[in-house]
Amino acid sequence: MTRRHVLAALALLATFFSPVTSSASAPKSIRPNVLLLVADDLNTRLGCYGDPAAFSPNIDRLASRSVRFDRAYCQYPVCGASRASFLTGLRPDTTQVFENTRHFRQAVPDAQTLPQTFIRAGYSVVRAGKLFHYNVPAGIGTEGHDDPPSWHRTINPSGRDKAEEKSLRNITPKFGLGAALAWHATAGDGTDHTDGLIATEVIKLLEQHAARPDRPFFIGCGFFRPHVPTVASKIFFDLHPVEKFRLPHAPAEHLAKIPAAARLLPVPNYGLPEDQLREFTRSYYASVSLMDAQVGRVLDALERLGLAANTIVVFLSDHGWMLGEHGGQWQKRSLFEESARVPLIIRAPGAKGNGQTSRRPVELVDLHPTLAELAGLPIHPKLEGRSLKPLLANPQAAWDKPAFTQVTRNAETSITIAVDPTKPAFMGRSIRTERWCYIEWADGREGAELYDMQADPKQNRNLADDPKHMGVITELKAKLAVNPTVR
């Protein structure tokens, strides 16, 4: 089946790829609605971020009418920790969530979450799918590790991807399905997958609001893909011939100069043959395309119902996911770009920056104050991010706040083999400015990394031992040591 035939089939299946048009009328709400679209385990592997292998027309068209943040970073590249951070507006050192089992209210019982900010403002606040942490795929169809005070209502679909788990092909059987390289191609058009059912429920919510627009809404639409196991309809696999994928190549000098702590997997590429890894990579991109199609269905409904002109739309992922970069590293839990960097696309109605790209380093912890300010709501005084509203007005505006990401090593909850089982758990911390990325492991005792992100965006040359850059390291080290809790 050729790519042209696949595209024709997709066009017949749904209106996934129809163009966005301006709404003639918008609900006369005092405050704007908010539609928060969250993907799972997605780095910037999208067409709008320049990935030639991606097929993501719906997210791409949203980006074309939004401010696309080119250098957005999560605060902790693990699902539970990242989501606890951006949904509270607090950093991991405050939430004390460094893995997927601890709940943020154990450390900050009085935290006001992002959805709670909108509840207190009189919004209708509903979640469909994964917003706070879920064990994937085990938790699909359940409440997961949710925060009940954050929602008026929750919706937890379970679709074909969950029902057909027994058909999965798993090439890393020593790992559980939440981490294993496992995939499956189903029949159908994807609307009966969990992500498809989530989109259907969100469309119903939009239709209900359009019929009775008596109060503004905040809808959290949390997709599960491309989190492993990567399950998608065959039509999305057909968009990605396996022949187009190759494993990334890392220069020998790069591998020789990175600290042991920077490596997530002790055995490169799990010791697996390239053909199997290419097949998995294909499935990852297929699941991105399936998720993208569901984003398109939701965006089309927003337009069709005349709600787009008064709705803030945000698309992001909780963190990235490595696909063999840096000498055969996979998964998340890394401070490299492929794990820490995320897509962040914000369309605020009337924002002057819509249709432009911002290359300022920003953080997911900035989301809570941003949406509060855009909706005209008070910014909670304890939030630890900064509103991005100035960058939505002018994506090239001056911006002096770095981006911070952290992750543990040797922790019991890690899926990896410890770097040194005789050592206790320790933290890796990174700071990113417009030019530099500096990383310290255990405050430098387990190694350090410095990358010139303008000259070396793929982070292949660690400059931490270069005497010419000691001044830069001293400056960044000082900033990294300061608690970055300023608005």
Protein backbone atom coordinates (compact mmCIF):
# COMPACT_ATOMS: atom_id res chain seq x y z
CA MET A 1 0.00 0.00 0.00
CA THR A 2 1.61 3.28 -1.09
CA ARG A 3 1.74 6.40 1.06
CA ARG A 4 -0.67 8.07 -1.40
CA HIS A 5 -3.19 5.27 -0.98
CA VAL A 6 -2.86 5.40 2.78
CA LEU A 7 -3.53 9.13 2.80
CA ALA A 8 -6.61 8.63 0.67
CA ALA A 9 -7.87 5.95 3.04
CA LEU A 10 -7.34 8.19 6.02
CA ALA A 11 -9.25 11.01 4.39
CA LEU A 12 -12.21 8.72 3.94
CA LEU A 13 -12.07 7.43 7.50
CA ALA A 14 -12.45 10.79 9.23
CA THR A 15 -11.96 14.52 8.94
CA PHE A 16 -8.64 14.25 10.76
CA PHE A 17 -6.76 16.39 8.29
CA SER A 18 -9.31 19.04 7.37
CA PRO A 19 -8.02 22.61 7.53
CA VAL A 20 -8.71 24.80 10.52
CA THR A 21 -10.95 27.71 9.66
CA SER A 22 -11.80 30.77 11.71
CA SER A 23 -14.99 30.49 13.67
CA ALA A 24 -17.62 32.95 12.59
CA SER A 25 -19.01 33.21 16.08
CA ALA A 26 -17.61 32.48 19.51
CA PRO A 27 -19.36 31.92 22.82
CA LYS A 28 -19.75 35.19 24.69
CA SER A 29 -18.01 33.97 27.80
CA ILE A 30 -16.44 36.46 30.17
CA ARG A 31 -13.33 34.33 30.34
CA PRO A 32 -11.68 32.11 27.72
CA ASN A 33 -12.09 28.36 27.74
CA VAL A 34 -9.02 26.13 28.08
CA LEU A 35 -8.32 22.91 26.18
CA LEU A 36 -5.21 21.17 27.49
CA LEU A 37 -3.95 18.39 25.18
CA VAL A 38 -1.26 16.21 26.75
CA ALA A 39 0.71 13.46 25.01
CA ASP A 40 2.74 10.82 26.84
CA ASP A 41 6.47 10.12 26.30
CA LEU A 42 6.73 12.37 23.22
CA ASN A 43 9.85 14.33 22.45
CA THR A 44 9.78 16.81 19.54
CA ARG A 45 9.26 13.99 17.01
CA LEU A 46 6.75 16.04 15.02
CA GLY A 47 6.72 17.59 11.58
CA CYS A 48 6.40 21.10 13.03
CA TYR A 49 9.65 20.53 14.94
CA GLY A 50 11.47 19.48 11.79
CA ASP A 51 11.41 15.69 12.16
CA PRO A 52 11.35 14.33 8.58
CA ALA A 53 10.16 10.89 9.73
CA ALA A 54 7.07 12.22 11.51
CA PHE A 55 3.56 12.34 10.11
CA SER A 56 1.68 14.74 12.38
CA PRO A 57 -0.47 17.04 10.21
CA ASN A 58 -2.94 18.01 12.93
CA ILE A 59 -0.44 19.04 15.57
CA ASP A 60 1.48 20.77 12.77
CA ARG A 61 -1.54 22.85 11.75
CA LEU A 62 -2.18 23.78 15.38
CA ALA A 63 1.45 24.90 15.63
CA SER A 64 1.07 27.03 12.49
CA ARG A 65 -1.56 29.12 14.31
CA SER A 66 0.10 29.14 17.71
CA VAL A 67 3.33 30.05 19.41
CA ARG A 68 5.58 27.01 19.13
CA PHE A 69 8.23 26.86 21.83
CA ASP A 70 11.31 25.31 20.30
CA ARG A 71 13.18 24.83 23.58
CA ALA A 72 10.68 23.75 26.22
CA TYR A 73 11.80 21.36 28.96
CA CYS A 74 10.16 19.17 31.56
CA GLN A 75 11.32 19.40 35.15
CA TYR A 76 11.75 15.64 35.64
CA PRO A 77 11.71 13.09 32.79
CA VAL A 78 9.41 10.53 34.45
CA CYS A 79 5.62 10.54 34.04
CA GLY A 80 4.51 10.89 37.65
CA ALA A 81 7.13 13.44 38.64
CA SER A 82 6.71 15.61 35.56
CA ARG A 83 2.93 15.67 35.74
CA ALA A 84 2.95 16.44 39.45
CA SER A 85 5.23 19.38 38.64
CA PHE A 86 3.44 21.02 35.71
CA LEU A 87 -0.05 20.37 37.08
CA THR A 88 0.85 22.04 40.38
CA GLY A 89 3.28 24.67 39.09
CA LEU A 90 5.84 23.43 41.64
CA ARG A 91 9.26 21.93 41.06
CA PRO A 92 10.12 18.34 41.96
CA ASP A 93 12.20 19.46 44.94
CA THR A 94 8.98 20.98 46.31
CA THR A 95 6.54 18.20 45.40
CA GLN A 96 9.11 15.56 46.47
CA VAL A 97 7.85 13.37 43.61
CA PHE A 98 10.85 11.71 41.98
CA GLU A 99 9.17 8.55 40.67
CA ASN A 100 5.71 7.17 39.89
CA THR A 101 4.36 6.03 43.26
CA ARG A 102 4.49 9.06 45.55
CA HIS A 103 1.61 11.59 45.49
CA PHE A 104 2.48 15.28 45.62
CA ARG A 105 -0.03 15.93 48.44
CA GLN A 106 2.16 13.93 50.79
CA ALA A 107 4.65 16.81 50.68
CA VAL A 108 2.36 19.75 49.80
CA PRO A 109 -1.15 18.86 51.01
CA ASP A 110 -2.43 22.39 50.41
CA ALA A 111 -1.10 22.72 46.84
CA GLN A 112 -3.48 24.47 44.45
CA THR A 113 -3.27 22.60 41.17
CA LEU A 114 -3.73 24.10 37.73
CA PRO A 115 -7.26 22.68 37.34
CA GLN A 116 -8.12 23.80 40.89
CA THR A 117 -7.21 27.37 39.93
CA PHE A 118 -9.95 27.16 37.30
CA ILE A 119 -12.42 25.41 39.61
CA ARG A 120 -12.08 28.30 42.04
CA ALA A 121 -12.78 30.72 39.21
CA GLY A 122 -16.10 29.03 38.43
CA TYR A 123 -15.03 26.97 35.43
CA SER A 124 -16.42 23.54 34.54
CA VAL A 125 -13.30 21.38 34.96
CA VAL A 126 -13.24 17.86 33.50
CA ARG A 127 -10.51 15.34 32.74
CA ALA A 128 -10.65 12.65 30.05
CA GLY A 129 -7.72 10.23 29.98
CA LYS A 130 -4.29 10.63 31.54
CA LEU A 131 -3.42 13.93 33.23
CA PHE A 132 -1.92 12.93 36.56
CA HIS A 133 0.08 9.71 36.55
CA TYR A 134 -1.21 6.34 35.35
CA ASN A 135 0.61 3.05 35.29
CA VAL A 136 0.56 2.34 31.55
CA PRO A 137 -0.87 0.08 30.33
CA ALA A 138 -2.06 -1.47 33.63
CA GLY A 139 -3.97 1.63 34.76
CA ILE A 140 -5.84 2.32 31.52
CA GLY A 141 -9.56 2.50 32.25
CA THR A 142 -9.02 3.34 35.94
CA GLU A 143 -8.62 6.56 37.92
CA GLY A 144 -4.86 6.06 37.99
CA HIS A 145 -2.90 8.09 40.55
CA ASP A 146 -5.34 10.95 40.24
CA ASP A 147 -5.99 13.99 42.43
CA PRO A 148 -9.76 14.05 43.08
CA PRO A 149 -9.91 17.72 44.25
CA SER A 150 -8.62 18.79 40.84
CA TRP A 151 -11.70 17.79 38.81
CA HIS A 152 -15.45 18.10 38.81
CA ARG A 153 -15.61 14.94 36.72
CA THR A 154 -13.26 12.34 35.30
CA ILE A 155 -13.61 10.02 32.29
CA ASN A 156 -11.45 6.92 31.93
CA PRO A 157 -11.93 5.05 28.64
CA SER A 158 -10.28 1.75 27.79
CA GLY A 159 -9.97 0.77 24.16
CA ARG A 160 -8.75 -1.77 21.67
CA ASP A 161 -5.10 -1.20 22.50
CA LYS A 162 -5.72 -2.42 26.04
CA ALA A 163 -8.00 -5.28 24.97
CA GLU A 164 -5.43 -6.70 22.53
CA GLU A 165 -2.44 -6.75 24.89
CA LYS A 166 -2.00 -10.48 24.37
CA SER A 167 -1.09 -9.77 20.75
CA LEU A 168 1.89 -7.58 21.64
CA ARG A 169 5.33 -8.37 20.31
CA ASN A 170 7.83 -7.71 23.12
CA ILE A 171 11.54 -7.72 22.24
CA THR A 172 12.62 -6.83 25.80
CA PRO A 173 10.60 -9.35 27.86
CA LYS A 174 12.65 -8.75 31.02
CA PHE A 175 10.93 -5.39 31.35
CA GLY A 176 7.31 -4.82 32.28
CA LEU A 177 4.99 -3.52 29.58
CA GLY A 178 5.28 0.03 30.92
CA ALA A 179 8.94 0.08 29.88
CA ALA A 180 9.35 -2.74 27.38
CA LEU A 181 9.93 -2.26 23.68
CA ALA A 182 6.62 -3.85 22.72
CA TRP A 183 4.18 -3.06 19.94
CA HIS A 184 1.14 -4.21 18.01
CA ALA A 185 -0.69 -3.18 14.83
CA THR A 186 -4.49 -3.45 15.01
CA ALA A 187 -7.24 -3.25 12.46
CA GLY A 188 -9.59 -0.26 12.31
CA ASP A 189 -9.10 3.48 12.07
CA GLY A 190 -7.89 4.15 15.63
CA THR A 191 -11.10 5.64 16.98
CA ASP A 192 -11.68 2.48 19.04
CA HIS A 193 -8.29 2.79 20.72
CA THR A 194 -8.11 4.40 24.15
CA ASP A 195 -6.86 7.66 22.62
CA GLY A 196 -9.69 7.56 20.08
CA LEU A 197 -12.27 7.04 22.83
CA ILE A 198 -10.73 9.89 24.83
CA ALA A 199 -11.10 12.18 21.81
CA THR A 200 -14.72 11.06 21.38
CA GLU A 201 -15.48 11.91 25.02
CA VAL A 202 -13.83 15.32 24.72
CA ILE A 203 -15.88 16.04 21.60
CA LYS A 204 -19.02 15.20 23.58
CA LEU A 205 -17.95 17.63 26.29
CA LEU A 206 -17.41 20.34 23.68
CA GLU A 207 -20.84 19.66 22.17
CA GLN A 208 -22.45 19.89 25.59
CA HIS A 209 -20.78 23.21 26.24
CA ALA A 210 -21.74 24.59 22.83
CA ALA A 211 -25.37 23.72 23.56
CA ARG A 212 -25.26 25.40 26.99
CA PRO A 213 -22.39 27.90 27.12
CA ASP A 214 -23.37 29.19 30.57
CA ARG A 215 -19.89 28.82 32.08
CA PRO A 216 -16.36 28.55 30.67
CA PHE A 217 -14.66 25.16 30.57
CA PHE A 218 -11.26 23.73 31.35
CA ILE A 219 -10.89 20.34 29.69
CA GLY A 220 -7.85 18.17 30.29
CA CYS A 221 -7.48 15.76 27.37
CA GLY A 222 -4.77 13.26 28.23
CA PHE A 223 -3.64 10.86 25.50
CA PHE A 224 -1.67 7.68 26.28
CA ARG A 225 0.36 7.43 23.11
CA PRO A 226 3.16 7.15 22.20
CA HIS A 227 3.87 5.59 25.62
CA VAL A 228 4.88 1.95 25.34
CA PRO A 229 3.52 -0.48 24.44
CA THR A 230 3.20 1.34 21.12
CA VAL A 231 -0.11 0.14 19.74
CA ALA A 232 -1.65 1.73 16.64
CA SER A 233 -3.89 0.81 13.74
CA LYS A 234 -2.16 -0.71 10.75
CA ILE A 235 -3.08 2.31 8.63
CA PHE A 236 -0.71 4.36 10.78
CA PHE A 237 2.05 1.78 10.53
CA ASP A 238 1.64 2.00 6.75
CA LEU A 239 2.53 5.68 6.91
CA HIS A 240 5.97 4.72 8.17
CA PRO A 241 7.81 2.11 6.09
CA VAL A 242 10.43 0.46 8.25
CA GLU A 243 13.05 1.07 5.55
CA LYS A 244 13.16 4.78 6.32
CA PHE A 245 14.44 4.30 9.88
CA ARG A 246 18.08 4.00 10.90
CA LEU A 247 19.57 3.86 14.37
CA PRO A 248 21.25 7.11 15.48
CA HIS A 249 25.04 7.29 15.35
CA ALA A 250 27.06 8.83 18.19
CA PRO A 251 30.71 9.86 17.64
CA ALA A 252 33.22 7.82 19.63
CA GLU A 253 34.56 11.01 21.23
CA HIS A 254 31.10 11.77 22.63
CA LEU A 255 30.76 8.36 24.25
CA ALA A 256 34.23 8.58 25.73
CA LYS A 257 33.57 11.91 27.41
CA ILE A 258 30.15 11.49 28.99
CA PRO A 259 29.95 10.41 32.66
CA ALA A 260 28.74 6.91 33.47
CA ALA A 261 25.73 8.45 35.22
CA ALA A 262 24.59 10.01 31.95
CA ARG A 263 24.04 6.58 30.46
CA LEU A 264 20.66 5.09 31.24
CA LEU A 265 21.19 1.56 29.90
CA PRO A 266 24.42 -0.30 30.71
CA VAL A 267 24.13 -2.36 27.49
CA PRO A 268 23.73 -0.21 24.35
CA ASN A 269 20.52 -0.89 22.44
CA TYR A 270 19.70 -3.67 24.93
CA GLY A 271 22.08 -5.82 22.88
CA LEU A 272 19.34 -6.22 20.28
CA PRO A 273 19.79 -6.42 16.48
CA GLU A 274 19.16 -3.29 14.47
CA ASP A 275 16.25 -4.71 12.48
CA GLN A 276 14.18 -5.28 15.63
CA LEU A 277 14.93 -1.79 16.93
CA ARG A 278 13.94 -0.28 13.60
CA GLU A 279 10.62 -2.13 13.77
CA PHE A 280 9.98 -0.74 17.22
CA THR A 281 10.93 2.75 16.09
CA ARG A 282 8.40 2.42 13.30
CA SER A 283 5.73 1.50 15.84
CA TYR A 284 6.62 4.53 17.96
CA TYR A 285 6.09 6.88 15.02
CA ALA A 286 2.88 5.03 14.11
CA SER A 287 1.50 5.61 17.58
CA VAL A 288 2.41 9.29 17.34
CA SER A 289 0.42 9.47 14.10
CA LEU A 290 -2.56 7.74 15.72
CA MET A 291 -2.49 10.22 18.61
CA ASP A 292 -2.13 13.10 16.15
CA ALA A 293 -5.27 11.94 14.33
CA GLN A 294 -7.23 12.15 17.59
CA VAL A 295 -5.89 15.65 18.19
CA GLY A 296 -7.25 16.50 14.75
CA ARG A 297 -10.72 15.19 15.61
CA VAL A 298 -10.83 17.35 18.74
CA LEU A 299 -9.56 20.47 16.94
CA ASP A 300 -12.09 19.96 14.15
CA ALA A 301 -14.91 19.74 16.70
CA LEU A 302 -13.70 22.90 18.42
CA GLU A 303 -13.95 24.73 15.11
CA ARG A 304 -17.20 23.13 14.00
CA LEU A 305 -18.90 24.12 17.24
CA GLY A 306 -17.75 27.74 17.06
CA LEU A 307 -15.65 27.47 20.23
CA ALA A 308 -12.15 28.01 18.86
CA ALA A 309 -12.18 31.81 18.89
CA ASN A 310 -12.60 31.88 22.67
CA THR A 311 -10.54 28.83 23.65
CA ILE A 312 -6.91 28.69 24.71
CA VAL A 313 -5.43 25.51 23.24
CA VAL A 314 -2.24 23.97 24.62
CA PHE A 315 -0.43 20.89 23.33
CA LEU A 316 2.50 19.40 25.23
CA SER A 317 4.07 16.16 26.38
CA ASP A 318 5.14 15.24 29.90
CA HIS A 319 8.72 14.49 28.79
CA GLY A 320 10.64 13.01 25.89
CA TRP A 321 11.82 9.50 25.01
CA MET A 322 15.11 8.34 23.57
CA LEU A 323 15.24 6.12 20.50
CA GLY A 324 18.83 4.92 20.48
CA GLU A 325 20.65 8.24 20.72
CA HIS A 326 23.91 8.75 22.65
CA GLY A 327 25.32 5.33 22.00
CA GLY A 328 22.21 3.18 22.10
CA GLN A 329 20.23 4.77 24.92
CA TRP A 330 16.45 4.26 25.09
CA GLN A 331 13.59 5.29 27.38
CA LYS A 332 13.30 8.51 29.41
CA ARG A 333 15.03 9.24 32.77
CA SER A 334 17.86 11.10 31.05
CA LEU A 335 19.01 14.73 30.98
CA PHE A 336 19.87 14.60 27.29
CA GLU A 337 17.67 16.65 24.95
CA GLU A 338 15.77 13.65 23.62
CA SER A 339 14.46 12.93 27.12
CA ALA A 340 14.20 16.37 28.74
CA ARG A 341 12.93 18.43 25.79
CA VAL A 342 9.22 18.47 24.98
CA PRO A 343 6.84 19.97 22.45
CA LEU A 344 4.97 22.99 23.81
CA ILE A 345 2.43 24.71 21.57
CA ILE A 346 0.13 27.44 22.89
CA ARG A 347 -2.62 29.15 20.94
CA ALA A 348 -4.07 32.05 22.90
CA PRO A 349 -6.91 33.80 21.05
CA GLY A 350 -5.68 37.14 19.76
CA ALA A 351 -2.04 36.62 20.81
CA LYS A 352 0.25 38.65 18.57
CA GLY A 353 2.82 35.88 18.47
CA ASN A 354 0.51 33.26 16.97
CA GLY A 355 2.13 31.61 13.96
CA GLN A 356 5.65 32.25 15.26
CA THR A 357 8.34 30.25 17.04
CA SER A 358 10.05 31.16 20.29
CA ARG A 359 13.55 29.83 20.89
CA ARG A 360 13.73 31.03 24.48
CA PRO A 361 14.32 28.24 27.04
CA VAL A 362 11.06 27.68 28.92
CA GLU A 363 9.72 25.09 31.33
CA LEU A 364 6.55 23.09 31.84
CA VAL A 365 6.38 24.53 35.36
CA ASP A 366 5.59 27.83 33.60
CA LEU A 367 2.27 26.48 32.34
CA HIS A 368 0.21 27.05 35.49
CA PRO A 369 0.97 30.80 35.83
CA THR A 370 0.66 31.24 32.06
CA LEU A 371 -2.87 29.85 31.81
CA ALA A 372 -3.97 31.67 34.95
CA GLU A 373 -2.78 35.00 33.56
CA LEU A 374 -4.25 34.39 30.10
CA ALA A 375 -7.63 33.70 31.72
CA GLY A 376 -7.40 36.80 33.91
CA LEU A 377 -7.12 34.76 37.12
CA PRO A 378 -4.86 35.44 40.10
CA ILE A 379 -1.46 33.75 39.94
CA HIS A 380 -1.02 31.76 43.12
CA PRO A 381 1.87 33.28 45.09
CA LYS A 382 3.60 29.93 45.70
CA LEU A 383 3.92 28.92 42.05
CA GLU A 384 7.51 28.35 40.96
CA GLY A 385 7.27 29.04 37.24
CA ARG A 386 6.90 32.27 35.30
CA SER A 387 4.05 33.24 32.99
CA LEU A 388 4.91 32.92 29.31
CA LYS A 389 2.42 35.61 28.33
CA PRO A 390 5.19 38.05 27.25
CA LEU A 391 6.51 35.42 24.82
CA LEU A 392 3.02 34.82 23.45
CA ALA A 393 2.86 38.51 22.59
CA ASN A 394 6.42 38.60 21.25
CA PRO A 395 8.14 35.21 20.90
CA GLN A 396 11.53 36.97 20.55
CA ALA A 397 11.13 39.08 23.71
CA ALA A 398 14.00 39.20 26.19
CA TRP A 399 13.90 36.22 28.54
CA ASP A 400 16.48 35.72 31.26
CA LYS A 401 15.09 32.64 33.04
CA PRO A 402 16.93 29.36 32.41
CA ALA A 403 15.25 25.95 32.25
CA PHE A 404 15.98 23.34 34.93
CA THR A 405 15.59 19.56 34.74
CA GLN A 406 16.61 16.92 37.25
CA VAL A 407 16.60 13.12 37.57
CA THR A 408 17.85 10.51 40.04
CA ARG A 409 20.31 7.68 39.61
CA ASN A 410 20.66 4.48 41.66
CA ALA A 411 17.11 4.94 42.98
CA GLU A 412 15.20 1.77 43.79
CA THR A 413 12.33 2.81 41.53
CA SER A 414 14.55 3.19 38.47
CA ILE A 415 14.10 0.67 35.65
CA THR A 416 17.84 0.75 35.03
CA ILE A 417 20.71 -1.19 36.51
CA ALA A 418 22.47 1.06 39.01
CA VAL A 419 25.63 2.81 37.89
CA ASP A 420 27.31 1.50 41.05
CA PRO A 421 25.20 -0.62 43.41
CA THR A 422 27.48 0.33 46.32
CA LYS A 423 26.50 3.99 46.06
CA PRO A 424 23.32 5.58 47.39
CA ALA A 425 20.85 7.33 45.12
CA PHE A 426 22.02 10.68 43.81
CA MET A 427 20.57 13.49 41.73
CA GLY A 428 21.54 14.80 38.33
CA ARG A 429 20.63 18.42 37.61
CA SER A 430 20.74 20.45 34.42
CA ILE A 431 20.44 24.12 33.56
CA ARG A 432 19.75 25.37 30.04
CA THR A 433 20.24 28.92 28.85
CA GLU A 434 19.87 30.18 25.28
CA ARG A 435 23.35 28.94 24.43
CA TRP A 436 24.44 26.43 27.06
CA CYS A 437 23.38 23.19 28.71
CA TYR A 438 25.27 22.34 31.89
CA ILE A 439 24.69 19.07 33.79
CA GLU A 440 26.03 17.95 37.15
CA TRP A 441 25.70 14.47 38.63
CA ALA A 442 25.75 14.38 42.45
CA ASP A 443 26.89 18.03 42.51
CA GLY A 444 29.73 17.11 40.17
CA ARG A 445 31.09 14.19 42.16
CA GLU A 446 29.74 11.74 39.54
CA GLY A 447 30.73 13.89 36.60
CA ALA A 448 29.65 16.97 34.66
CA GLU A 449 28.68 17.89 31.12
CA LEU A 450 28.70 21.16 29.18
CA TYR A 451 27.24 21.53 25.70
CA ASP A 452 27.17 24.51 23.37
CA MET A 453 23.60 24.15 22.13
CA GLN A 454 24.11 26.61 19.28
CA ALA A 455 27.13 24.83 17.81
CA ASP A 456 26.27 21.33 19.02
CA PRO A 457 22.46 20.90 19.35
CA LYS A 458 22.74 17.08 19.38
CA GLN A 459 25.04 17.22 22.42
CA ASN A 460 27.92 15.28 20.90
CA ARG A 461 30.81 17.28 22.40
CA ASN A 462 31.10 17.47 26.18
CA LEU A 463 33.15 20.61 26.92
CA ALA A 464 33.15 20.27 30.71
CA ASP A 465 36.92 19.56 30.86
CA ASP A 466 37.87 22.31 28.40
CA PRO A 467 39.78 25.06 30.26
CA LYS A 468 38.42 27.66 27.82
CA HIS A 469 34.95 27.20 29.27
CA MET A 470 35.70 27.27 33.00
CA GLY A 471 34.18 30.73 33.28
CA VAL A 472 30.93 29.53 31.72
CA ILE A 473 30.85 26.51 34.04
CA THR A 474 31.44 28.68 37.10
CA GLU A 475 28.55 30.95 36.13
CA LEU A 476 26.13 28.11 35.36
CA LYS A 477 27.16 26.13 38.42
CA ALA A 478 26.30 29.11 40.60
CA LYS A 479 22.89 29.49 38.96
CA LEU A 480 22.22 25.77 39.31
CA ALA A 481 22.93 25.97 43.04
CA VAL A 482 20.28 28.67 43.56
CA ASN A 483 16.71 27.51 44.19
CA PRO A 484 15.00 28.61 40.91
CA THR A 485 11.63 29.45 42.45
CA VAL A 486 11.01 32.90 41.01
CA ARG A 487 8.17 34.21 38.90
